[in-house]
Amino acid sequence: MAQQGIQMDQEKICCSICLDLLKDPVTIPCEHSYCMNCIEDCWDGENQNHIYSCPQCRQTFRPRPDLKKNTVLADLGVPPSERSLCGEHENQSKAQR
């Protein structure tokens, strides 16, 4: 039972796009949370007909919703110095250098 609670908490603090701990977490209107860079990149690639959707539940939004910073998730043990980029975007940033 305790393992299930730990697993659930880990799912809440991980981005379902990059599968890493949330960096600069934001919550979208359906209440799912993502790294800000991950959801912005996802939506930038989705930009057809100006309809945006949640990668998890597929709820659609029109127009593109404002991203709401999730300070609760940001404070769950991730030091500020490590919050800037998730693993996927950090690797992209290093490759661009």
PDB file of N, CA and C in Angstrom:
ATOM      1  N   MET A   1       0.825  -1.189   0.000  1.00  0.00           N
ATOM      2  CA  MET A   1       0.000   0.000   0.000  1.00  0.00           C
ATOM      3  C   MET A   1       0.868   1.250   0.000  1.00  0.00           C
ATOM      4  N   ALA A   2       1.936   1.269   0.809  1.00  0.00           N
ATOM      5  CA  ALA A   2       2.818   2.438   0.862  1.00  0.00           C
ATOM      6  C   ALA A   2       3.507   2.646  -0.473  1.00  0.00           C
ATOM      7  N   GLN A   3       3.892   1.547  -1.145  1.00  0.00           N
ATOM      8  CA  GLN A   3       4.541   1.666  -2.449  1.00  0.00           C
ATOM      9  C   GLN A   3       3.615   2.309  -3.460  1.00  0.00           C
ATOM     10  N   GLN A   4       2.346   2.016  -3.405  1.00  0.00           N
ATOM     11  CA  GLN A   4       1.378   2.608  -4.326  1.00  0.00           C
ATOM     12  C   GLN A   4       1.311   4.118  -4.116  1.00  0.00           C
ATOM     13  N   GLY A   5       1.349   4.565  -2.861  1.00  0.00           N
ATOM     14  CA  GLY A   5       1.339   5.992  -2.556  1.00  0.00           C
ATOM     15  C   GLY A   5       2.584   6.685  -3.090  1.00  0.00           C
ATOM     16  N   ILE A   6       3.738   6.048  -2.942  1.00  0.00           N
ATOM     17  CA  ILE A   6       4.985   6.614  -3.451  1.00  0.00           C
ATOM     18  C   ILE A   6       4.944   6.686  -4.967  1.00  0.00           C
ATOM     19  N   GLN A   7       4.464   5.627  -5.608  1.00  0.00           N
ATOM     20  CA  GLN A   7       4.379   5.591  -7.057  1.00  0.00           C
ATOM     21  C   GLN A   7       3.437   6.690  -7.562  1.00  0.00           C
ATOM     22  N   MET A   8       2.319   6.883  -6.913  1.00  0.00           N
ATOM     23  CA  MET A   8       1.360   7.903  -7.319  1.00  0.00           C
ATOM     24  C   MET A   8       1.978   9.294  -7.186  1.00  0.00           C
ATOM     25  N   ASP A   9       2.693   9.535  -6.079  1.00  0.00           N
ATOM     26  CA  ASP A   9       3.338  10.825  -5.885  1.00  0.00           C
ATOM     27  C   ASP A   9       4.388  11.074  -6.960  1.00  0.00           C
ATOM     28  N   GLN A  10       5.132  10.040  -7.343  1.00  0.00           N
ATOM     29  CA  GLN A  10       6.149  10.182  -8.367  1.00  0.00           C
ATOM     30  C   GLN A  10       5.506  10.523  -9.706  1.00  0.00           C
ATOM     31  N   GLU A  11       4.355   9.934 -10.000  1.00  0.00           N
ATOM     32  CA  GLU A  11       3.642  10.252 -11.237  1.00  0.00           C
ATOM     33  C   GLU A  11       3.218  11.712 -11.255  1.00  0.00           C
ATOM     34  N   LYS A  12       2.860  12.263 -10.115  1.00  0.00           N
ATOM     35  CA  LYS A  12       2.407  13.651 -10.041  1.00  0.00           C
ATOM     36  C   LYS A  12       3.546  14.635 -10.252  1.00  0.00           C
ATOM     37  N   ILE A  13       4.778  14.249  -9.920  1.00  0.00           N
ATOM     38  CA  ILE A  13       5.892  15.183 -10.046  1.00  0.00           C
ATOM     39  C   ILE A  13       6.759  14.904 -11.275  1.00  0.00           C
ATOM     40  N   CYS A  14       6.314  13.982 -12.129  1.00  0.00           N
ATOM     41  CA  CYS A  14       7.033  13.691 -13.365  1.00  0.00           C
ATOM     42  C   CYS A  14       6.216  14.164 -14.559  1.00  0.00           C
ATOM     43  N   CYS A  15       6.909  14.647 -15.556  1.00  0.00           N
ATOM     44  CA  CYS A  15       6.274  15.107 -16.791  1.00  0.00           C
ATOM     45  C   CYS A  15       5.979  13.898 -17.675  1.00  0.00           C
ATOM     46  N   SER A  16       4.772  13.772 -18.168  1.00  0.00           N
ATOM     47  CA  SER A  16       4.432  12.626 -19.002  1.00  0.00           C
ATOM     48  C   SER A  16       4.947  12.779 -20.434  1.00  0.00           C
ATOM     49  N   ILE A  17       5.535  13.917 -20.750  1.00  0.00           N
ATOM     50  CA  ILE A  17       6.121  14.105 -22.084  1.00  0.00           C
ATOM     51  C   ILE A  17       7.582  13.654 -22.074  1.00  0.00           C
ATOM     52  N   CYS A  18       8.390  14.209 -21.159  1.00  0.00           N
ATOM     53  CA  CYS A  18       9.817  13.856 -21.120  1.00  0.00           C
ATOM     54  C   CYS A  18      10.121  12.739 -20.126  1.00  0.00           C
ATOM     55  N   LEU A  19       9.157  12.411 -19.269  1.00  0.00           N
ATOM     56  CA  LEU A  19       9.274  11.365 -18.248  1.00  0.00           C
ATOM     57  C   LEU A  19      10.323  11.674 -17.189  1.00  0.00           C
ATOM     58  N   ASP A  20      10.674  12.929 -17.049  1.00  0.00           N
ATOM     59  CA  ASP A  20      11.643  13.376 -16.055  1.00  0.00           C
ATOM     60  C   ASP A  20      10.893  14.141 -14.963  1.00  0.00           C
ATOM     61  N   LEU A  21      11.581  14.486 -13.875  1.00  0.00           N
ATOM     62  CA  LEU A  21      10.963  15.329 -12.859  1.00  0.00           C
ATOM     63  C   LEU A  21      10.562  16.649 -13.493  1.00  0.00           C
ATOM     64  N   LEU A  22       9.445  17.194 -13.055  1.00  0.00           N
ATOM     65  CA  LEU A  22       8.954  18.453 -13.610  1.00  0.00           C
ATOM     66  C   LEU A  22       9.952  19.577 -13.384  1.00  0.00           C
ATOM     67  N   LYS A  23      10.257  20.289 -14.450  1.00  0.00           N
ATOM     68  CA  LYS A  23      11.112  21.471 -14.375  1.00  0.00           C
ATOM     69  C   LYS A  23      10.265  22.644 -14.824  1.00  0.00           C
ATOM     70  N   ASP A  24      10.188  23.658 -14.000  1.00  0.00           N
ATOM     71  CA  ASP A  24       9.343  24.821 -14.275  1.00  0.00           C
ATOM     72  C   ASP A  24       7.909  24.351 -14.556  1.00  0.00           C
ATOM     73  N   PRO A  25       7.299  23.611 -13.599  1.00  0.00           N
ATOM     74  CA  PRO A  25       5.998  22.983 -13.825  1.00  0.00           C
ATOM     75  C   PRO A  25       4.859  23.974 -14.044  1.00  0.00           C
ATOM     76  N   VAL A  26       4.010  23.628 -14.995  1.00  0.00           N
ATOM     77  CA  VAL A  26       2.799  24.394 -15.274  1.00  0.00           C
ATOM     78  C   VAL A  26       1.629  23.429 -15.325  1.00  0.00           C
ATOM     79  N   THR A  27       0.454  23.948 -14.995  1.00  0.00           N
ATOM     80  CA  THR A  27      -0.767  23.151 -15.030  1.00  0.00           C
ATOM     81  C   THR A  27      -1.681  23.753 -16.084  1.00  0.00           C
ATOM     82  N   ILE A  28      -2.250  22.890 -16.919  1.00  0.00           N
ATOM     83  CA  ILE A  28      -3.159  23.356 -17.967  1.00  0.00           C
ATOM     84  C   ILE A  28      -4.596  23.206 -17.471  1.00  0.00           C
ATOM     85  N   PRO A  29      -5.585  23.749 -18.183  1.00  0.00           N
ATOM     86  CA  PRO A  29      -6.963  23.784 -17.669  1.00  0.00           C
ATOM     87  C   PRO A  29      -7.564  22.441 -17.243  1.00  0.00           C
ATOM     88  N   CYS A  30      -7.124  21.327 -17.822  1.00  0.00           N
ATOM     89  CA  CYS A  30      -7.661  20.021 -17.418  1.00  0.00           C
ATOM     90  C   CYS A  30      -6.992  19.503 -16.145  1.00  0.00           C
ATOM     91  N   GLU A  31      -6.090  20.297 -15.559  1.00  0.00           N
ATOM     92  CA  GLU A  31      -5.387  20.009 -14.307  1.00  0.00           C
ATOM     93  C   GLU A  31      -4.213  19.052 -14.451  1.00  0.00           C
ATOM     94  N   HIS A  32      -3.767  18.720 -15.670  1.00  0.00           N
ATOM     95  CA  HIS A  32      -2.545  17.943 -15.839  1.00  0.00           C
ATOM     96  C   HIS A  32      -1.368  18.907 -15.846  1.00  0.00           C
ATOM     97  N   SER A  33      -0.229  18.428 -15.343  1.00  0.00           N
ATOM     98  CA  SER A  33       0.952  19.284 -15.225  1.00  0.00           C
ATOM     99  C   SER A  33       2.089  18.759 -16.086  1.00  0.00           C
ATOM    100  N   TYR A  34       2.870  19.696 -16.616  1.00  0.00           N
ATOM    101  CA  TYR A  34       3.984  19.395 -17.507  1.00  0.00           C
ATOM    102  C   TYR A  34       5.110  20.378 -17.250  1.00  0.00           C
ATOM    103  N   CYS A  35       6.318  20.046 -17.747  1.00  0.00           N
ATOM    104  CA  CYS A  35       7.391  21.038 -17.791  1.00  0.00           C
ATOM    105  C   CYS A  35       6.920  22.111 -18.776  1.00  0.00           C
ATOM    106  N   MET A  36       7.184  23.359 -18.458  1.00  0.00           N
ATOM    107  CA  MET A  36       6.734  24.434 -19.339  1.00  0.00           C
ATOM    108  C   MET A  36       7.276  24.241 -20.758  1.00  0.00           C
ATOM    109  N   ASN A  37       8.561  23.939 -20.896  1.00  0.00           N
ATOM    110  CA  ASN A  37       9.139  23.766 -22.226  1.00  0.00           C
ATOM    111  C   ASN A  37       8.519  22.596 -22.981  1.00  0.00           C
ATOM    112  N   CYS A  38       8.220  21.509 -22.270  1.00  0.00           N
ATOM    113  CA  CYS A  38       7.644  20.327 -22.927  1.00  0.00           C
ATOM    114  C   CYS A  38       6.274  20.628 -23.529  1.00  0.00           C
ATOM    115  N   ILE A  39       5.380  21.239 -22.746  1.00  0.00           N
ATOM    116  CA  ILE A  39       4.026  21.494 -23.254  1.00  0.00           C
ATOM    117  C   ILE A  39       4.050  22.575 -24.329  1.00  0.00           C
ATOM    118  N   GLU A  40       4.930  23.571 -24.184  1.00  0.00           N
ATOM    119  CA  GLU A  40       5.021  24.600 -25.230  1.00  0.00           C
ATOM    120  C   GLU A  40       5.516  23.984 -26.540  1.00  0.00           C
ATOM    121  N   ASP A  41       6.538  23.131 -26.472  1.00  0.00           N
ATOM    122  CA  ASP A  41       7.029  22.462 -27.684  1.00  0.00           C
ATOM    123  C   ASP A  41       5.959  21.572 -28.297  1.00  0.00           C
ATOM    124  N   CYS A  42       5.231  20.867 -27.449  1.00  0.00           N
ATOM    125  CA  CYS A  42       4.152  19.996 -27.926  1.00  0.00           C
ATOM    126  C   CYS A  42       3.101  20.822 -28.658  1.00  0.00           C
ATOM    127  N   TRP A  43       2.684  21.913 -28.048  1.00  0.00           N
ATOM    128  CA  TRP A  43       1.649  22.745 -28.656  1.00  0.00           C
ATOM    129  C   TRP A  43       2.158  23.497 -29.871  1.00  0.00           C
ATOM    130  N   ASP A  44       3.430  23.886 -29.886  1.00  0.00           N
ATOM    131  CA  ASP A  44       3.980  24.553 -31.070  1.00  0.00           C
ATOM    132  C   ASP A  44       3.945  23.603 -32.267  1.00  0.00           C
ATOM    133  N   GLY A  45       4.151  22.313 -32.032  1.00  0.00           N
ATOM    134  CA  GLY A  45       4.090  21.324 -33.099  1.00  0.00           C
ATOM    135  C   GLY A  45       2.672  20.974 -33.501  1.00  0.00           C
ATOM    136  N   GLU A  46       1.697  21.302 -32.674  1.00  0.00           N
ATOM    137  CA  GLU A  46       0.287  20.976 -32.885  1.00  0.00           C
ATOM    138  C   GLU A  46      -0.471  22.115 -33.551  1.00  0.00           C
ATOM    139  N   ASN A  47       0.170  23.172 -33.863  1.00  0.00           N
ATOM    140  CA  ASN A  47      -0.429  24.452 -34.205  1.00  0.00           C
ATOM    141  C   ASN A  47      -1.391  24.452 -35.398  1.00  0.00           C
ATOM    142  N   GLN A  48      -1.977  23.345 -35.766  1.00  0.00           N
ATOM    143  CA  GLN A  48      -2.926  23.331 -36.877  1.00  0.00           C
ATOM    144  C   GLN A  48      -4.323  23.691 -36.385  1.00  0.00           C
ATOM    145  N   ASN A  49      -4.967  24.566 -37.077  1.00  0.00           N
ATOM    146  CA  ASN A  49      -6.329  25.023 -36.764  1.00  0.00           C
ATOM    147  C   ASN A  49      -6.470  25.672 -35.386  1.00  0.00           C
ATOM    148  N   HIS A  50      -5.357  25.992 -34.761  1.00  0.00           N
ATOM    149  CA  HIS A  50      -5.365  26.659 -33.454  1.00  0.00           C
ATOM    150  C   HIS A  50      -6.175  25.888 -32.413  1.00  0.00           C
ATOM    151  N   ILE A  51      -6.118  24.562 -32.468  1.00  0.00           N
ATOM    152  CA  ILE A  51      -6.737  23.692 -31.463  1.00  0.00           C
ATOM    153  C   ILE A  51      -5.602  22.979 -30.742  1.00  0.00           C
ATOM    154  N   TYR A  52      -5.586  23.077 -29.425  1.00  0.00           N
ATOM    155  CA  TYR A  52      -4.518  22.487 -28.628  1.00  0.00           C
ATOM    156  C   TYR A  52      -5.133  21.435 -27.716  1.00  0.00           C
ATOM    157  N   SER A  53      -4.373  20.375 -27.436  1.00  0.00           N
ATOM    158  CA  SER A  53      -4.926  19.309 -26.603  1.00  0.00           C
ATOM    159  C   SER A  53      -3.931  18.877 -25.536  1.00  0.00           C
ATOM    160  N   CYS A  54      -4.480  18.261 -24.494  1.00  0.00           N
ATOM    161  CA  CYS A  54      -3.674  17.704 -23.421  1.00  0.00           C
ATOM    162  C   CYS A  54      -3.098  16.370 -23.901  1.00  0.00           C
ATOM    163  N   PRO A  55      -1.789  16.168 -23.790  1.00  0.00           N
ATOM    164  CA  PRO A  55      -1.202  14.893 -24.216  1.00  0.00           C
ATOM    165  C   PRO A  55      -1.705  13.685 -23.422  1.00  0.00           C
ATOM    166  N   GLN A  56      -2.219  13.905 -22.209  1.00  0.00           N
ATOM    167  CA  GLN A  56      -2.689  12.791 -21.400  1.00  0.00           C
ATOM    168  C   GLN A  56      -4.157  12.460 -21.642  1.00  0.00           C
ATOM    169  N   CYS A  57      -5.031  13.428 -21.483  1.00  0.00           N
ATOM    170  CA  CYS A  57      -6.470  13.148 -21.550  1.00  0.00           C
ATOM    171  C   CYS A  57      -7.084  13.546 -22.898  1.00  0.00           C
ATOM    172  N   ARG A  58      -6.316  14.220 -23.731  1.00  0.00           N
ATOM    173  CA  ARG A  58      -6.746  14.657 -25.070  1.00  0.00           C
ATOM    174  C   ARG A  58      -7.858  15.703 -25.065  1.00  0.00           C
ATOM    175  N   GLN A  59      -8.126  16.315 -23.904  1.00  0.00           N
ATOM    176  CA  GLN A  59      -9.094  17.422 -23.878  1.00  0.00           C
ATOM    177  C   GLN A  59      -8.550  18.522 -24.777  1.00  0.00           C
ATOM    178  N   THR A  60      -9.420  19.131 -25.566  1.00  0.00           N
ATOM    179  CA  THR A  60      -8.969  20.175 -26.479  1.00  0.00           C
ATOM    180  C   THR A  60      -9.300  21.551 -25.941  1.00  0.00           C
ATOM    181  N   PHE A  61      -8.473  22.507 -26.361  1.00  0.00           N
ATOM    182  CA  PHE A  61      -8.620  23.885 -25.913  1.00  0.00           C
ATOM    183  C   PHE A  61      -8.529  24.796 -27.124  1.00  0.00           C
ATOM    184  N   ARG A  62      -9.355  25.796 -27.134  1.00  0.00           N
ATOM    185  CA  ARG A  62      -9.321  26.823 -28.168  1.00  0.00           C
ATOM    186  C   ARG A  62      -9.775  28.106 -27.544  1.00  0.00           C
ATOM    187  N   PRO A  63      -9.042  29.152 -27.521  1.00  0.00           N
ATOM    188  CA  PRO A  63      -7.684  29.321 -28.033  1.00  0.00           C
ATOM    189  C   PRO A  63      -6.676  28.657 -27.112  1.00  0.00           C
ATOM    190  N   ARG A  64      -5.407  28.791 -27.449  1.00  0.00           N
ATOM    191  CA  ARG A  64      -4.344  28.207 -26.642  1.00  0.00           C
ATOM    192  C   ARG A  64      -4.442  28.776 -25.223  1.00  0.00           C
ATOM    193  N   PRO A  65      -4.555  27.896 -24.216  1.00  0.00           N
ATOM    194  CA  PRO A  65      -4.726  28.385 -22.845  1.00  0.00           C
ATOM    195  C   PRO A  65      -3.435  28.973 -22.281  1.00  0.00           C
ATOM    196  N   ASP A  66      -3.605  29.873 -21.341  1.00  0.00           N
ATOM    197  CA  ASP A  66      -2.462  30.378 -20.602  1.00  0.00           C
ATOM    198  C   ASP A  66      -1.961  29.269 -19.695  1.00  0.00           C
ATOM    199  N   LEU A  67      -0.655  29.203 -19.530  1.00  0.00           N
ATOM    200  CA  LEU A  67      -0.069  28.194 -18.661  1.00  0.00           C
ATOM    201  C   LEU A  67       0.019  28.749 -17.245  1.00  0.00           C
ATOM    202  N   LYS A  68      -0.478  27.971 -16.302  1.00  0.00           N
ATOM    203  CA  LYS A  68      -0.509  28.398 -14.903  1.00  0.00           C
ATOM    204  C   LYS A  68       0.656  27.735 -14.170  1.00  0.00           C
ATOM    205  N   LYS A  69       1.595  28.551 -13.681  1.00  0.00           N
ATOM    206  CA  LYS A  69       2.733  28.004 -12.927  1.00  0.00           C
ATOM    207  C   LYS A  69       2.213  27.218 -11.741  1.00  0.00           C
ATOM    208  N   ASN A  70       2.783  26.053 -11.507  1.00  0.00           N
ATOM    209  CA  ASN A  70       2.387  25.211 -10.393  1.00  0.00           C
ATOM    210  C   ASN A  70       3.481  25.261  -9.335  1.00  0.00           C
ATOM    211  N   THR A  71       3.365  26.200  -8.420  1.00  0.00           N
ATOM    212  CA  THR A  71       4.394  26.399  -7.408  1.00  0.00           C
ATOM    213  C   THR A  71       4.439  25.261  -6.390  1.00  0.00           C
ATOM    214  N   VAL A  72       3.340  24.575  -6.180  1.00  0.00           N
ATOM    215  CA  VAL A  72       3.319  23.440  -5.249  1.00  0.00           C
ATOM    216  C   VAL A  72       4.230  22.342  -5.775  1.00  0.00           C
ATOM    217  N   LEU A  73       4.071  21.985  -7.046  1.00  0.00           N
ATOM    218  CA  LEU A  73       4.926  20.952  -7.623  1.00  0.00           C
ATOM    219  C   LEU A  73       6.370  21.422  -7.731  1.00  0.00           C
ATOM    220  N   ALA A  74       6.565  22.687  -7.989  1.00  0.00           N
ATOM    221  CA  ALA A  74       7.925  23.220  -8.103  1.00  0.00           C
ATOM    222  C   ALA A  74       8.679  23.101  -6.781  1.00  0.00           C
ATOM    223  N   ASP A  75       7.963  23.140  -5.675  1.00  0.00           N
ATOM    224  CA  ASP A  75       8.602  23.102  -4.363  1.00  0.00           C
ATOM    225  C   ASP A  75       8.770  21.694  -3.792  1.00  0.00           C
ATOM    226  N   LEU A  76       8.431  20.658  -4.549  1.00  0.00           N
ATOM    227  CA  LEU A  76       8.509  19.285  -4.029  1.00  0.00           C
ATOM    228  C   LEU A  76       9.919  18.706  -4.104  1.00  0.00           C
ATOM    229  N   GLY A  77      10.869  19.406  -3.535  1.00  0.00           N
ATOM    230  CA  GLY A  77      12.204  18.842  -3.400  1.00  0.00           C
ATOM    231  C   GLY A  77      13.131  19.043  -4.574  1.00  0.00           C
ATOM    232  N   VAL A  78      12.741  19.791  -5.583  1.00  0.00           N
ATOM    233  CA  VAL A  78      13.635  20.048  -6.699  1.00  0.00           C
ATOM    234  C   VAL A  78      14.263  21.417  -6.476  1.00  0.00           C
ATOM    235  N   PRO A  79      15.573  21.460  -6.243  1.00  0.00           N
ATOM    236  CA  PRO A  79      16.207  22.748  -5.987  1.00  0.00           C
ATOM    237  C   PRO A  79      16.022  23.709  -7.154  1.00  0.00           C
ATOM    238  N   PRO A  80      15.877  25.011  -6.885  1.00  0.00           N
ATOM    239  CA  PRO A  80      15.668  25.994  -7.952  1.00  0.00           C
ATOM    240  C   PRO A  80      16.725  25.927  -9.045  1.00  0.00           C
ATOM    241  N   SER A  81      17.961  25.626  -8.682  1.00  0.00           N
ATOM    242  CA  SER A  81      19.030  25.577  -9.679  1.00  0.00           C
ATOM    243  C   SER A  81      18.835  24.435 -10.679  1.00  0.00           C
ATOM    244  N   GLU A  82      18.029  23.436 -10.329  1.00  0.00           N
ATOM    245  CA  GLU A  82      17.814  22.284 -11.202  1.00  0.00           C
ATOM    246  C   GLU A  82      16.460  22.331 -11.909  1.00  0.00           C
ATOM    247  N   ARG A  83      15.695  23.397 -11.732  1.00  0.00           N
ATOM    248  CA  ARG A  83      14.348  23.464 -12.293  1.00  0.00           C
ATOM    249  C   ARG A  83      14.286  24.025 -13.695  1.00  0.00           C
ATOM    250  N   SER A  84      15.346  24.570 -14.210  1.00  0.00           N
ATOM    251  CA  SER A  84      15.258  25.312 -15.461  1.00  0.00           C
ATOM    252  C   SER A  84      14.898  24.444 -16.666  1.00  0.00           C
ATOM    253  N   LEU A  85      15.540  23.301 -16.832  1.00  0.00           N
ATOM    254  CA  LEU A  85      15.262  22.468 -18.003  1.00  0.00           C
ATOM    255  C   LEU A  85      15.089  21.012 -17.582  1.00  0.00           C
ATOM    256  N   CYS A  86      14.154  20.317 -18.215  1.00  0.00           N
ATOM    257  CA  CYS A  86      14.006  18.892 -17.978  1.00  0.00           C
ATOM    258  C   CYS A  86      15.108  18.185 -18.767  1.00  0.00           C
ATOM    259  N   GLY A  87      15.287  16.914 -18.570  1.00  0.00           N
ATOM    260  CA  GLY A  87      16.347  16.167 -19.239  1.00  0.00           C
ATOM    261  C   GLY A  87      16.303  16.266 -20.748  1.00  0.00           C
ATOM    262  N   GLU A  88      15.123  16.162 -21.325  1.00  0.00           N
ATOM    263  CA  GLU A  88      14.981  16.206 -22.786  1.00  0.00           C
ATOM    264  C   GLU A  88      15.433  17.562 -23.329  1.00  0.00           C
ATOM    265  N   HIS A  89      14.992  18.638 -22.711  1.00  0.00           N
ATOM    266  CA  HIS A  89      15.336  19.968 -23.209  1.00  0.00           C
ATOM    267  C   HIS A  89      16.770  20.358 -22.851  1.00  0.00           C
ATOM    268  N   GLU A  90      17.294  19.811 -21.746  1.00  0.00           N
ATOM    269  CA  GLU A  90      18.683  20.070 -21.393  1.00  0.00           C
ATOM    270  C   GLU A  90      19.599  19.461 -22.450  1.00  0.00           C
ATOM    271  N   ASN A  91      19.278  18.234 -22.901  1.00  0.00           N
ATOM    272  CA  ASN A  91      20.075  17.580 -23.940  1.00  0.00           C
ATOM    273  C   ASN A  91      20.003  18.368 -25.243  1.00  0.00           C
ATOM    274  N   GLN A  92      18.813  18.885 -25.586  1.00  0.00           N
ATOM    275  CA  GLN A  92      18.673  19.694 -26.790  1.00  0.00           C
ATOM    276  C   GLN A  92      19.496  20.960 -26.678  1.00  0.00           C
ATOM    277  N   SER A  93      19.488  21.564 -25.509  1.00  0.00           N
ATOM    278  CA  SER A  93      20.246  22.785 -25.280  1.00  0.00           C
ATOM    279  C   SER A  93      21.739  22.527 -25.422  1.00  0.00           C
ATOM    280  N   LYS A  94      22.233  21.414 -24.872  1.00  0.00           N
ATOM    281  CA  LYS A  94      23.648  21.065 -24.979  1.00  0.00           C
ATOM    282  C   LYS A  94      24.025  20.791 -26.425  1.00  0.00           C
ATOM    283  N   ALA A  95      23.136  20.133 -27.170  1.00  0.00           N
ATOM    284  CA  ALA A  95      23.412  19.828 -28.575  1.00  0.00           C
ATOM    285  C   ALA A  95      23.503  21.070 -29.427  1.00  0.00           C
ATOM    286  N   GLN A  96      22.782  22.124 -29.040  1.00  0.00           N
ATOM    287  CA  GLN A  96      22.778  23.369 -29.803  1.00  0.00           C
ATOM    288  C   GLN A  96      24.020  24.198 -29.555  1.00  0.00           C
ATOM    289  N   ARG A  97      24.734  23.916 -28.463  1.00  0.00           N
ATOM    290  CA  ARG A  97      25.926  24.712 -28.126  1.00  0.00           C
ATOM    291  C   ARG A  97      27.072  24.398 -29.006  1.00  0.00           C
TER     292      ARG A  97
END
